[in-house]
Amino acid sequence: MANAVSSFPVKTSTMFENGFDIIRSTPYGNTLTMEMARAAIENEQLGKNVVTDFLALSFSSPDYIGHKFGVNAIETEDTYLRLDKDLGSLFTYLDRKLGAGNYVAFLTADHGAAHNPNLLIDNKIPAGYWSGGQFMKELNIQLDQNFHVPNIVISFSNSQVHLNNSVIAGQKLNEETIRKDIVKFLRSKPGVAFVADVDHLEDANLPEELKSRIINGYNQRRSGPITFILDPGWYSGTANGTGTTHSSWNAYDAHIPLLWMGWGIKKGSTNRQVNMSDITPTLAGLLHIQMPNGCIGRPVEEVYKK
């Protein structure tokens, strides 16, 4: 089946036999996070000083539950219904503690999520699983035949090809030729939409939007020199997998919510594209303070009261 079989009602009392980390895969991980937030506000006396206090909360249970069951599962629906109640309880508490309109809150996410590929395939929508482990074995065999050195590629992590740099340097291999062979290999595989060498992005046959995202996500000390992008509906995994994952540029994954409420916030909405990096300058604008020195975003001016 495309999603894990629902097993409601869930007897949570039996879940802790495998350890307390199971809490994160239940809606109660959110509830505990909310309760700890209230404890922090009470014991740290947040909002009682003349300076601005900032409290960041990460409600991570939807992530774990979504990975396990998928975006269409009743477990996921149940989680968000309970999270809505938890947020309502938190805002009611803040209204009593600080006064309605005396605090500003924003809500966002780190990513969206894909539909389970089996669900898409069942509904005759193009999708599939990309066997990264198998393709890496095939690629290393081919590179060994060409360069007579095994295991030149050590990882396909984060849709990037990571090379065994010490071996390449020690054997005095031609890295430029190796990269070209890798790009050619990946382009021949099903489910691959784009492949690019990050040192030659200006020549790559990629939409400008993707070039910008690759550059923004690249770190020369950690990232692999070649990046590949899968077709919509495809992700790395096994064909019998349930649940879902993320890490694509497509709208179902990259489009996230951004909601603002409270002090200094104007009622309204916008369909203009903004980015996660715009949150910090927006807060700085609300507080009339300097933006952080690493800030790359722009204020979302639509949220400000004039």
C-alpha atoms as a PDB file:
ATOM      1  CA  MET A   1       0.000   0.000   0.000  1.00  0.00           C
ATOM      2  CA  ALA A   2       1.098   3.581  -0.580  1.00  0.00           C
ATOM      3  CA  ASN A   3       0.774   4.534   3.083  1.00  0.00           C
ATOM      4  CA  ALA A   4       1.294   2.549   6.264  1.00  0.00           C
ATOM      5  CA  VAL A   5      -1.859   0.781   7.430  1.00  0.00           C
ATOM      6  CA  SER A   6      -3.756   2.762  10.026  1.00  0.00           C
ATOM      7  CA  SER A   7      -3.873   1.037  13.395  1.00  0.00           C
ATOM      8  CA  PHE A   8      -6.090   3.384  15.402  1.00  0.00           C
ATOM      9  CA  PRO A   9      -6.619   3.418  18.267  1.00  0.00           C
ATOM     10  CA  VAL A  10      -2.923   3.365  19.184  1.00  0.00           C
ATOM     11  CA  LYS A  11      -2.048   1.934  22.597  1.00  0.00           C
ATOM     12  CA  THR A  12       0.771   4.305  23.486  1.00  0.00           C
ATOM     13  CA  SER A  13       1.441   2.577  26.818  1.00  0.00           C
ATOM     14  CA  THR A  14       3.080  -0.308  24.947  1.00  0.00           C
ATOM     15  CA  MET A  15       5.233   1.873  22.700  1.00  0.00           C
ATOM     16  CA  PHE A  16       7.914   2.679  25.276  1.00  0.00           C
ATOM     17  CA  GLU A  17       9.213  -0.901  25.367  1.00  0.00           C
ATOM     18  CA  ASN A  18      11.586   0.156  22.572  1.00  0.00           C
ATOM     19  CA  GLY A  19      12.719   3.364  24.261  1.00  0.00           C
ATOM     20  CA  PHE A  20      11.354   6.800  24.996  1.00  0.00           C
ATOM     21  CA  ASP A  21      12.497   8.233  21.663  1.00  0.00           C
ATOM     22  CA  ILE A  22       9.220   6.846  20.294  1.00  0.00           C
ATOM     23  CA  ILE A  23       7.569   9.973  21.746  1.00  0.00           C
ATOM     24  CA  ARG A  24       8.780  11.997  18.764  1.00  0.00           C
ATOM     25  CA  SER A  25       6.729   9.773  16.444  1.00  0.00           C
ATOM     26  CA  THR A  26       3.493  10.554  18.279  1.00  0.00           C
ATOM     27  CA  PRO A  27       1.486  13.797  18.518  1.00  0.00           C
ATOM     28  CA  TYR A  28       2.493  14.008  22.178  1.00  0.00           C
ATOM     29  CA  GLY A  29       5.996  15.065  21.178  1.00  0.00           C
ATOM     30  CA  ASN A  30       4.383  18.364  20.173  1.00  0.00           C
ATOM     31  CA  THR A  31       2.423  18.564  23.425  1.00  0.00           C
ATOM     32  CA  LEU A  32       5.553  18.049  25.523  1.00  0.00           C
ATOM     33  CA  THR A  33       7.375  20.713  23.486  1.00  0.00           C
ATOM     34  CA  MET A  34       4.534  23.142  24.163  1.00  0.00           C
ATOM     35  CA  GLU A  35       4.586  22.369  27.886  1.00  0.00           C
ATOM     36  CA  MET A  36       8.355  22.907  28.020  1.00  0.00           C
ATOM     37  CA  ALA A  37       7.904  26.246  26.277  1.00  0.00           C
ATOM     38  CA  ARG A  38       5.468  27.333  28.984  1.00  0.00           C
ATOM     39  CA  ALA A  39       7.947  26.203  31.649  1.00  0.00           C
ATOM     40  CA  ALA A  40      10.717  28.220  29.988  1.00  0.00           C
ATOM     41  CA  ILE A  41       8.541  31.344  29.871  1.00  0.00           C
ATOM     42  CA  GLU A  42       7.607  30.970  33.532  1.00  0.00           C
ATOM     43  CA  ASN A  43      11.047  30.155  34.913  1.00  0.00           C
ATOM     44  CA  GLU A  44      13.085  32.481  32.710  1.00  0.00           C
ATOM     45  CA  GLN A  45      10.551  35.290  33.148  1.00  0.00           C
ATOM     46  CA  LEU A  46      10.425  35.845  29.393  1.00  0.00           C
ATOM     47  CA  GLY A  47       8.647  39.022  28.350  1.00  0.00           C
ATOM     48  CA  LYS A  48       9.165  40.684  31.735  1.00  0.00           C
ATOM     49  CA  ASN A  49      12.328  42.654  30.964  1.00  0.00           C
ATOM     50  CA  VAL A  50      12.857  45.899  29.052  1.00  0.00           C
ATOM     51  CA  VAL A  51      14.702  44.003  26.288  1.00  0.00           C
ATOM     52  CA  THR A  52      13.128  41.730  23.688  1.00  0.00           C
ATOM     53  CA  ASP A  53      13.100  38.001  24.427  1.00  0.00           C
ATOM     54  CA  PHE A  54      13.076  35.429  21.626  1.00  0.00           C
ATOM     55  CA  LEU A  55      11.758  31.880  22.066  1.00  0.00           C
ATOM     56  CA  ALA A  56      12.141  29.405  19.187  1.00  0.00           C
ATOM     57  CA  LEU A  57      10.068  26.218  19.240  1.00  0.00           C
ATOM     58  CA  SER A  58      10.490  23.213  16.966  1.00  0.00           C
ATOM     59  CA  PHE A  59       7.402  21.019  16.775  1.00  0.00           C
ATOM     60  CA  SER A  60       9.143  18.070  15.136  1.00  0.00           C
ATOM     61  CA  SER A  61       6.597  15.275  15.534  1.00  0.00           C
ATOM     62  CA  PRO A  62       4.873  16.085  12.196  1.00  0.00           C
ATOM     63  CA  ASP A  63       8.221  15.468  10.491  1.00  0.00           C
ATOM     64  CA  TYR A  64       8.764  12.040  12.057  1.00  0.00           C
ATOM     65  CA  ILE A  65       5.143  11.000  11.594  1.00  0.00           C
ATOM     66  CA  GLY A  66       5.087  12.229   7.999  1.00  0.00           C
ATOM     67  CA  HIS A  67       8.240  10.281   7.177  1.00  0.00           C
ATOM     68  CA  LYS A  68       6.720   7.147   8.671  1.00  0.00           C
ATOM     69  CA  PHE A  69       3.169   7.291   7.321  1.00  0.00           C
ATOM     70  CA  GLY A  70       3.071   9.777   4.433  1.00  0.00           C
ATOM     71  CA  VAL A  71       1.269  13.048   3.830  1.00  0.00           C
ATOM     72  CA  ASN A  72      -2.159  11.472   3.221  1.00  0.00           C
ATOM     73  CA  ALA A  73      -2.268   9.162   6.236  1.00  0.00           C
ATOM     74  CA  ILE A  74      -4.874   9.537   8.955  1.00  0.00           C
ATOM     75  CA  GLU A  75      -2.011   9.515  11.475  1.00  0.00           C
ATOM     76  CA  THR A  76      -0.733  12.720   9.850  1.00  0.00           C
ATOM     77  CA  GLU A  77      -4.182  14.297   9.903  1.00  0.00           C
ATOM     78  CA  ASP A  78      -4.588  13.389  13.570  1.00  0.00           C
ATOM     79  CA  THR A  79      -1.194  14.939  14.360  1.00  0.00           C
ATOM     80  CA  TYR A  80      -2.062  18.287  12.803  1.00  0.00           C
ATOM     81  CA  LEU A  81      -5.466  18.408  14.478  1.00  0.00           C
ATOM     82  CA  ARG A  82      -3.783  17.881  17.842  1.00  0.00           C
ATOM     83  CA  LEU A  83      -1.029  20.380  17.003  1.00  0.00           C
ATOM     84  CA  ASP A  84      -3.697  22.963  16.218  1.00  0.00           C
ATOM     85  CA  LYS A  85      -5.143  22.447  19.695  1.00  0.00           C
ATOM     86  CA  ASP A  86      -1.682  22.686  21.277  1.00  0.00           C
ATOM     87  CA  LEU A  87      -0.975  25.965  19.465  1.00  0.00           C
ATOM     88  CA  GLY A  88      -4.348  27.301  20.546  1.00  0.00           C
ATOM     89  CA  SER A  89      -3.519  26.425  24.145  1.00  0.00           C
ATOM     90  CA  LEU A  90      -0.110  28.130  23.860  1.00  0.00           C
ATOM     91  CA  PHE A  91      -1.554  31.346  22.412  1.00  0.00           C
ATOM     92  CA  THR A  92      -4.285  31.430  25.068  1.00  0.00           C
ATOM     93  CA  TYR A  93      -1.565  31.130  27.706  1.00  0.00           C
ATOM     94  CA  LEU A  94       0.471  33.939  26.106  1.00  0.00           C
ATOM     95  CA  ASP A  95      -2.592  36.170  25.925  1.00  0.00           C
ATOM     96  CA  ARG A  96      -3.133  35.689  29.657  1.00  0.00           C
ATOM     97  CA  LYS A  97       0.551  35.956  30.557  1.00  0.00           C
ATOM     98  CA  LEU A  98       1.645  38.852  28.359  1.00  0.00           C
ATOM     99  CA  GLY A  99      -1.582  40.298  27.013  1.00  0.00           C
ATOM    100  CA  ALA A 100      -3.107  39.823  23.565  1.00  0.00           C
ATOM    101  CA  GLY A 101      -1.186  41.855  21.018  1.00  0.00           C
ATOM    102  CA  ASN A 102       1.859  42.241  23.253  1.00  0.00           C
ATOM    103  CA  TYR A 103       3.926  39.574  21.496  1.00  0.00           C
ATOM    104  CA  VAL A 104       4.681  38.654  17.906  1.00  0.00           C
ATOM    105  CA  ALA A 105       4.640  35.060  16.662  1.00  0.00           C
ATOM    106  CA  PHE A 106       5.543  33.540  13.326  1.00  0.00           C
ATOM    107  CA  LEU A 107       5.074  29.974  12.130  1.00  0.00           C
ATOM    108  CA  THR A 108       6.915  28.292   9.293  1.00  0.00           C
ATOM    109  CA  ALA A 109       8.519  24.951   8.372  1.00  0.00           C
ATOM    110  CA  ASP A 110      11.840  23.681   7.087  1.00  0.00           C
ATOM    111  CA  HIS A 111      10.304  21.836   4.129  1.00  0.00           C
ATOM    112  CA  GLY A 112       7.194  20.297   2.667  1.00  0.00           C
ATOM    113  CA  ALA A 113       6.975  16.654   1.620  1.00  0.00           C
ATOM    114  CA  ALA A 114       6.389  14.446  -1.382  1.00  0.00           C
ATOM    115  CA  HIS A 115       3.524  12.068  -1.915  1.00  0.00           C
ATOM    116  CA  ASN A 116       4.526   8.451  -1.512  1.00  0.00           C
ATOM    117  CA  PRO A 117       5.650   7.273  -4.997  1.00  0.00           C
ATOM    118  CA  ASN A 118       3.514   4.133  -4.760  1.00  0.00           C
ATOM    119  CA  LEU A 119       0.452   6.324  -4.210  1.00  0.00           C
ATOM    120  CA  LEU A 120       1.318   8.332  -7.319  1.00  0.00           C
ATOM    121  CA  ILE A 121       1.997   5.198  -9.356  1.00  0.00           C
ATOM    122  CA  ASP A 122      -1.325   3.703  -8.209  1.00  0.00           C
ATOM    123  CA  ASN A 123      -3.023   6.830  -9.583  1.00  0.00           C
ATOM    124  CA  LYS A 124      -1.052   6.678 -12.851  1.00  0.00           C
ATOM    125  CA  ILE A 125       1.067   9.734 -12.027  1.00  0.00           C
ATOM    126  CA  PRO A 126       4.753   9.544 -13.075  1.00  0.00           C
ATOM    127  CA  ALA A 127       6.882   8.708 -10.026  1.00  0.00           C
ATOM    128  CA  GLY A 128       9.430   6.226  -8.801  1.00  0.00           C
ATOM    129  CA  TYR A 129      12.195   5.255  -6.389  1.00  0.00           C
ATOM    130  CA  TRP A 130      15.803   6.031  -7.158  1.00  0.00           C
ATOM    131  CA  SER A 131      18.217   3.304  -6.078  1.00  0.00           C
ATOM    132  CA  GLY A 132      21.214   5.433  -5.118  1.00  0.00           C
ATOM    133  CA  GLY A 133      23.117   2.576  -3.501  1.00  0.00           C
ATOM    134  CA  GLN A 134      22.830   0.355  -6.565  1.00  0.00           C
ATOM    135  CA  PHE A 135      23.733   3.145  -8.994  1.00  0.00           C
ATOM    136  CA  MET A 136      26.782   4.103  -6.922  1.00  0.00           C
ATOM    137  CA  LYS A 137      28.033   0.506  -7.145  1.00  0.00           C
ATOM    138  CA  GLU A 138      27.552   0.539 -10.920  1.00  0.00           C
ATOM    139  CA  LEU A 139      29.304   3.903 -11.199  1.00  0.00           C
ATOM    140  CA  ASN A 140      32.317   2.779  -9.149  1.00  0.00           C
ATOM    141  CA  ILE A 141      32.662  -0.359 -11.272  1.00  0.00           C
ATOM    142  CA  GLN A 142      32.692   1.774 -14.425  1.00  0.00           C
ATOM    143  CA  LEU A 143      35.197   4.254 -12.949  1.00  0.00           C
ATOM    144  CA  ASP A 144      37.421   1.365 -11.806  1.00  0.00           C
ATOM    145  CA  GLN A 145      37.461   0.050 -15.365  1.00  0.00           C
ATOM    146  CA  ASN A 146      38.415   3.495 -16.694  1.00  0.00           C
ATOM    147  CA  PHE A 147      40.929   4.584 -14.035  1.00  0.00           C
ATOM    148  CA  HIS A 148      41.943   1.296 -12.357  1.00  0.00           C
ATOM    149  CA  VAL A 149      41.109   2.602  -8.870  1.00  0.00           C
ATOM    150  CA  PRO A 150      38.198   1.232  -6.797  1.00  0.00           C
ATOM    151  CA  ASN A 151      35.619   3.266  -4.874  1.00  0.00           C
ATOM    152  CA  ILE A 152      36.318   6.664  -6.382  1.00  0.00           C
ATOM    153  CA  VAL A 153      32.796   7.776  -5.397  1.00  0.00           C
ATOM    154  CA  ILE A 154      32.098   7.506  -1.670  1.00  0.00           C
ATOM    155  CA  SER A 155      28.604   8.969  -1.363  1.00  0.00           C
ATOM    156  CA  PHE A 156      25.480  10.215  -3.152  1.00  0.00           C
ATOM    157  CA  SER A 157      24.424  12.098  -0.018  1.00  0.00           C
ATOM    158  CA  ASN A 158      22.031  15.061  -0.377  1.00  0.00           C
ATOM    159  CA  SER A 159      21.771  14.573  -4.143  1.00  0.00           C
ATOM    160  CA  GLN A 160      25.472  15.323  -4.469  1.00  0.00           C
ATOM    161  CA  VAL A 161      28.297  13.094  -5.657  1.00  0.00           C
ATOM    162  CA  HIS A 162      31.123  13.022  -3.105  1.00  0.00           C
ATOM    163  CA  LEU A 163      34.542  11.880  -4.327  1.00  0.00           C
ATOM    164  CA  ASN A 164      37.391  10.098  -2.558  1.00  0.00           C
ATOM    165  CA  ASN A 165      39.657  13.138  -2.773  1.00  0.00           C
ATOM    166  CA  SER A 166      42.649  11.572  -1.018  1.00  0.00           C
ATOM    167  CA  VAL A 167      42.716   8.636  -3.430  1.00  0.00           C
ATOM    168  CA  ILE A 168      42.305  10.893  -6.468  1.00  0.00           C
ATOM    169  CA  ALA A 169      45.189  13.091  -5.290  1.00  0.00           C
ATOM    170  CA  GLY A 170      47.366  10.156  -4.197  1.00  0.00           C
ATOM    171  CA  GLN A 171      46.919   8.309  -7.491  1.00  0.00           C
ATOM    172  CA  LYS A 172      47.295  11.554  -9.470  1.00  0.00           C
ATOM    173  CA  LEU A 173      44.019  10.911 -11.307  1.00  0.00           C
ATOM    174  CA  ASN A 174      42.478  13.430 -13.678  1.00  0.00           C
ATOM    175  CA  GLU A 175      39.543  14.706 -11.611  1.00  0.00           C
ATOM    176  CA  GLU A 176      38.105  16.718 -14.502  1.00  0.00           C
ATOM    177  CA  THR A 177      37.781  13.555 -16.602  1.00  0.00           C
ATOM    178  CA  ILE A 178      36.302  11.660 -13.659  1.00  0.00           C
ATOM    179  CA  ARG A 179      33.664  14.342 -13.201  1.00  0.00           C
ATOM    180  CA  LYS A 180      32.722  14.238 -16.887  1.00  0.00           C
ATOM    181  CA  ASP A 181      32.316  10.455 -16.710  1.00  0.00           C
ATOM    182  CA  ILE A 182      30.088  10.774 -13.633  1.00  0.00           C
ATOM    183  CA  VAL A 183      27.875  13.401 -15.257  1.00  0.00           C
ATOM    184  CA  LYS A 184      27.488  11.236 -18.362  1.00  0.00           C
ATOM    185  CA  PHE A 185      26.672   8.168 -16.244  1.00  0.00           C
ATOM    186  CA  LEU A 186      24.000   9.889 -14.158  1.00  0.00           C
ATOM    187  CA  ARG A 187      22.316  11.462 -17.171  1.00  0.00           C
ATOM    188  CA  SER A 188      21.655   7.984 -18.520  1.00  0.00           C
ATOM    189  CA  LYS A 189      19.746   6.811 -15.428  1.00  0.00           C
ATOM    190  CA  PRO A 190      15.950   6.792 -15.053  1.00  0.00           C
ATOM    191  CA  GLY A 191      14.430   9.397 -12.797  1.00  0.00           C
ATOM    192  CA  VAL A 192      17.285  11.891 -13.230  1.00  0.00           C
ATOM    193  CA  ALA A 193      16.118  15.279 -14.521  1.00  0.00           C
ATOM    194  CA  PHE A 194      19.343  17.307 -14.328  1.00  0.00           C
ATOM    195  CA  VAL A 195      23.034  16.725 -13.575  1.00  0.00           C
ATOM    196  CA  ALA A 196      25.620  19.467 -13.212  1.00  0.00           C
ATOM    197  CA  ASP A 197      29.245  19.978 -12.214  1.00  0.00           C
ATOM    198  CA  VAL A 198      29.180  22.888  -9.755  1.00  0.00           C
ATOM    199  CA  ASP A 199      32.407  24.287 -11.229  1.00  0.00           C
ATOM    200  CA  HIS A 200      30.695  24.609 -14.619  1.00  0.00           C
ATOM    201  CA  LEU A 201      27.201  25.726 -13.688  1.00  0.00           C
ATOM    202  CA  GLU A 202      27.368  28.639 -16.115  1.00  0.00           C
ATOM    203  CA  ASP A 203      27.507  26.110 -18.973  1.00  0.00           C
ATOM    204  CA  ALA A 204      24.960  23.671 -17.529  1.00  0.00           C
ATOM    205  CA  ASN A 205      21.618  23.183 -19.247  1.00  0.00           C
ATOM    206  CA  LEU A 206      19.639  24.149 -16.140  1.00  0.00           C
ATOM    207  CA  PRO A 207      16.840  26.624 -15.420  1.00  0.00           C
ATOM    208  CA  GLU A 208      18.240  29.766 -13.759  1.00  0.00           C
ATOM    209  CA  GLU A 209      16.136  29.105 -10.646  1.00  0.00           C
ATOM    210  CA  LEU A 210      17.866  25.761 -10.139  1.00  0.00           C
ATOM    211  CA  LYS A 211      21.311  27.276 -10.678  1.00  0.00           C
ATOM    212  CA  SER A 212      20.606  29.813  -7.939  1.00  0.00           C
ATOM    213  CA  ARG A 213      19.417  27.139  -5.523  1.00  0.00           C
ATOM    214  CA  ILE A 214      22.444  24.935  -6.192  1.00  0.00           C
ATOM    215  CA  ILE A 215      24.786  27.867  -5.557  1.00  0.00           C
ATOM    216  CA  ASN A 216      22.932  28.874  -2.375  1.00  0.00           C
ATOM    217  CA  GLY A 217      23.123  25.323  -1.039  1.00  0.00           C
ATOM    218  CA  TYR A 218      26.770  24.735  -1.898  1.00  0.00           C
ATOM    219  CA  ASN A 219      29.567  24.731   0.669  1.00  0.00           C
ATOM    220  CA  GLN A 220      33.003  24.037  -0.782  1.00  0.00           C
ATOM    221  CA  ARG A 221      34.215  22.368   2.428  1.00  0.00           C
ATOM    222  CA  ARG A 222      31.295  19.928   2.680  1.00  0.00           C
ATOM    223  CA  SER A 223      29.412  19.644  -0.594  1.00  0.00           C
ATOM    224  CA  GLY A 224      30.069  17.243  -3.424  1.00  0.00           C
ATOM    225  CA  PRO A 225      31.330  18.673  -6.745  1.00  0.00           C
ATOM    226  CA  ILE A 226      28.470  17.198  -8.795  1.00  0.00           C
ATOM    227  CA  THR A 227      24.781  17.641  -8.056  1.00  0.00           C
ATOM    228  CA  PHE A 228      21.847  15.777  -9.554  1.00  0.00           C
ATOM    229  CA  ILE A 229      18.122  16.539  -9.481  1.00  0.00           C
ATOM    230  CA  LEU A 230      15.478  13.857  -9.742  1.00  0.00           C
ATOM    231  CA  ASP A 231      12.234  14.067 -11.681  1.00  0.00           C
ATOM    232  CA  PRO A 232       9.105  15.210  -9.807  1.00  0.00           C
ATOM    233  CA  GLY A 233       7.627  12.374  -7.757  1.00  0.00           C
ATOM    234  CA  TRP A 234      10.939  10.513  -7.498  1.00  0.00           C
ATOM    235  CA  TYR A 235      13.095  10.104  -4.426  1.00  0.00           C
ATOM    236  CA  SER A 236      15.786   7.820  -3.096  1.00  0.00           C
ATOM    237  CA  GLY A 237      14.422   4.745  -1.397  1.00  0.00           C
ATOM    238  CA  THR A 238      13.119   1.235  -1.874  1.00  0.00           C
ATOM    239  CA  ALA A 239      10.088   0.275  -3.926  1.00  0.00           C
ATOM    240  CA  ASN A 240       8.296  -1.254  -0.948  1.00  0.00           C
ATOM    241  CA  GLY A 241       8.770   1.851   1.180  1.00  0.00           C
ATOM    242  CA  THR A 242       5.944   3.561   3.012  1.00  0.00           C
ATOM    243  CA  GLY A 243       5.785   7.113   4.230  1.00  0.00           C
ATOM    244  CA  THR A 244       7.605   9.922   2.474  1.00  0.00           C
ATOM    245  CA  THR A 245      10.686  12.110   2.382  1.00  0.00           C
ATOM    246  CA  HIS A 246      11.841  15.514   1.124  1.00  0.00           C
ATOM    247  CA  SER A 247      14.876  17.409  -0.260  1.00  0.00           C
ATOM    248  CA  SER A 248      13.662  18.343  -3.749  1.00  0.00           C
ATOM    249  CA  TRP A 249      13.188  21.742  -5.358  1.00  0.00           C
ATOM    250  CA  ASN A 250       9.613  21.037  -6.454  1.00  0.00           C
ATOM    251  CA  ALA A 251       6.717  23.059  -5.052  1.00  0.00           C
ATOM    252  CA  TYR A 252       5.325  20.145  -3.015  1.00  0.00           C
ATOM    253  CA  ASP A 253       8.596  20.135  -1.088  1.00  0.00           C
ATOM    254  CA  ALA A 254      10.030  23.648  -1.289  1.00  0.00           C
ATOM    255  CA  HIS A 255       6.779  25.596  -0.696  1.00  0.00           C
ATOM    256  CA  ILE A 256       6.367  26.202   3.043  1.00  0.00           C
ATOM    257  CA  PRO A 257       3.950  28.294   5.121  1.00  0.00           C
ATOM    258  CA  LEU A 258       4.840  31.633   6.677  1.00  0.00           C
ATOM    259  CA  LEU A 259       2.249  33.012   9.087  1.00  0.00           C
ATOM    260  CA  TRP A 260       2.593  36.114  11.284  1.00  0.00           C
ATOM    261  CA  MET A 261       0.401  37.356  14.120  1.00  0.00           C
ATOM    262  CA  GLY A 262       0.474  39.737  17.058  1.00  0.00           C
ATOM    263  CA  TRP A 263       2.336  42.943  17.863  1.00  0.00           C
ATOM    264  CA  GLY A 264       3.053  45.149  14.850  1.00  0.00           C
ATOM    265  CA  ILE A 265       1.475  42.729  12.359  1.00  0.00           C
ATOM    266  CA  LYS A 266      -1.065  43.951   9.806  1.00  0.00           C
ATOM    267  CA  LYS A 267      -4.025  41.772   8.824  1.00  0.00           C
ATOM    268  CA  GLY A 268      -3.773  40.488   5.259  1.00  0.00           C
ATOM    269  CA  SER A 269      -2.057  38.062   2.917  1.00  0.00           C
ATOM    270  CA  THR A 270       0.192  38.022  -0.121  1.00  0.00           C
ATOM    271  CA  ASN A 271       0.890  35.631  -2.967  1.00  0.00           C
ATOM    272  CA  ARG A 272       4.300  37.188  -3.590  1.00  0.00           C
ATOM    273  CA  GLN A 273       7.126  34.698  -3.242  1.00  0.00           C
ATOM    274  CA  VAL A 274       9.185  35.198  -0.118  1.00  0.00           C
ATOM    275  CA  ASN A 275      11.929  33.031   1.340  1.00  0.00           C
ATOM    276  CA  MET A 276      12.760  31.514   4.690  1.00  0.00           C
ATOM    277  CA  SER A 277      15.778  33.834   4.808  1.00  0.00           C
ATOM    278  CA  ASP A 278      13.366  36.807   4.838  1.00  0.00           C
ATOM    279  CA  ILE A 279      12.167  36.038   8.372  1.00  0.00           C
ATOM    280  CA  THR A 280      15.198  37.506  10.164  1.00  0.00           C
ATOM    281  CA  PRO A 281      15.164  40.898   8.380  1.00  0.00           C
ATOM    282  CA  THR A 282      11.398  41.094   8.905  1.00  0.00           C
ATOM    283  CA  LEU A 283      11.861  40.637  12.653  1.00  0.00           C
ATOM    284  CA  ALA A 284      14.690  43.176  12.624  1.00  0.00           C
ATOM    285  CA  GLY A 285      12.412  45.653  10.873  1.00  0.00           C
ATOM    286  CA  LEU A 286       9.647  45.099  13.412  1.00  0.00           C
ATOM    287  CA  LEU A 287      12.082  45.708  16.264  1.00  0.00           C
ATOM    288  CA  HIS A 288      13.872  48.622  14.539  1.00  0.00           C
ATOM    289  CA  ILE A 289      17.252  46.974  15.002  1.00  0.00           C
ATOM    290  CA  GLN A 290      20.167  46.193  12.692  1.00  0.00           C
ATOM    291  CA  MET A 291      19.989  43.005  10.662  1.00  0.00           C
ATOM    292  CA  PRO A 292      22.511  40.256  11.598  1.00  0.00           C
ATOM    293  CA  ASN A 293      25.803  40.418   9.706  1.00  0.00           C
ATOM    294  CA  GLY A 294      25.084  37.145   7.902  1.00  0.00           C
ATOM    295  CA  CYS A 295      21.585  38.121   6.769  1.00  0.00           C
ATOM    296  CA  ILE A 296      20.849  37.641   3.048  1.00  0.00           C
ATOM    297  CA  GLY A 297      17.057  38.103   3.042  1.00  0.00           C
ATOM    298  CA  ARG A 298      14.743  41.076   2.596  1.00  0.00           C
ATOM    299  CA  PRO A 299      11.983  42.286   4.931  1.00  0.00           C
ATOM    300  CA  VAL A 300       8.456  41.150   4.114  1.00  0.00           C
ATOM    301  CA  GLU A 301       7.081  44.668   4.310  1.00  0.00           C
ATOM    302  CA  GLU A 302       3.479  43.559   3.744  1.00  0.00           C
ATOM    303  CA  VAL A 303       3.264  42.330   7.338  1.00  0.00           C
ATOM    304  CA  TYR A 304       4.060  45.696   8.946  1.00  0.00           C
ATOM    305  CA  LYS A 305       1.395  47.988  10.329  1.00  0.00           C
ATOM    306  CA  LYS A 306       1.823  51.469   8.829  1.00  0.00           C
END
